[in-house]
């Protein structure tokens, strides 16, 4: 078996590792059998090289098999997750959380799997806690929240979710790594519908294919651009072009792109979706949006991303219909009511 030093040297030289070598080395990392310096060097080197699908899948396998408390969610709603990789060039408010609440309000079951801020000042868990959601919970209690009100959040940095070593690793690094993809896929309840934003357009197709390989029935992976420049986000955007790969239940692959005007949306404004960088302020903004208030650009981008969840799960026949349904949840305040239900259920 290759040792971690040889692996780091190969990665620095731009060489890809085999599935078996990646799996064996990361198993040692999770079990804390390598020095902290070697662990960090491995994660930095594989990220700098650009992890290939085999490497990502191997790391996911280790986390899934050795460091994830599993749970089954029993619900008649279509079970989905939505998340982003982080590491995007422009920091937005927590669009994915608001989109998840809107989609849940319209009938989806959304089992999110997120972390505290690593490449941003305010991550999914930080915002959820500021909203009143308790995140240091067992996977069974989070599952109960999804079953009773249609939404829940697994804290990817909590030992109650990942007991062996993932939280230890994530709490000690302050830069984006391959774990932004591999670890986020290790959802304890194995949802079958996955909407995922990625920071790098080059990994859209490979991320979609990995998700299908590990058990997702239908996936939609995307990257959004802000205007005509190269600045991008790990969300569908109303400020420019969104490119995507979709894989349906039969394994058919569709690659495409859309602009906000294609879906009846106005071009958004950067300043209205920019991160505030403070969990309390971000939580207050999310409450406004979910109750139909706040800037139009913020509401539109939430409706777009929430609509994609509804389209992906089959609750809306087209993306356009999904957007309309998500927007209705915001405008009527039903999404705000769903947030209150979630806070009460996951407490």
Foldseek 3Di string as FASTA:
>chain_A
DDELVVLLVCLQVLHADALVVLLVHLLCVLQVVDDPVSSVSNQVSCQVSDHFLSNLLSNLVSQQPPFFAADAADAPAQEEEEEELPPAPFAFFPLRVLLQLLLLLLGHQYEFEWEADQQALGIPVLLLVLLQFDAQDAPVLQSQLSRPQRYGYHYLLHCSGGVRHRNVSSVPHRHRGSCSQSSRLSRRHQHQEYEYFYRDPVCQVSSQVSNVVVHHQKYKYKKDDQAPDPRIDRAHAQRFKMWIWIQHNVRDIDTDMDHNVVLVHHHADSVQGGDPSHSNVSNVQSLQQQQQHGDPRSVQRSLQRSLVSCCRSVVAVDSSRSSVSSSVSNPNSSSSVSSVSSSVSRD
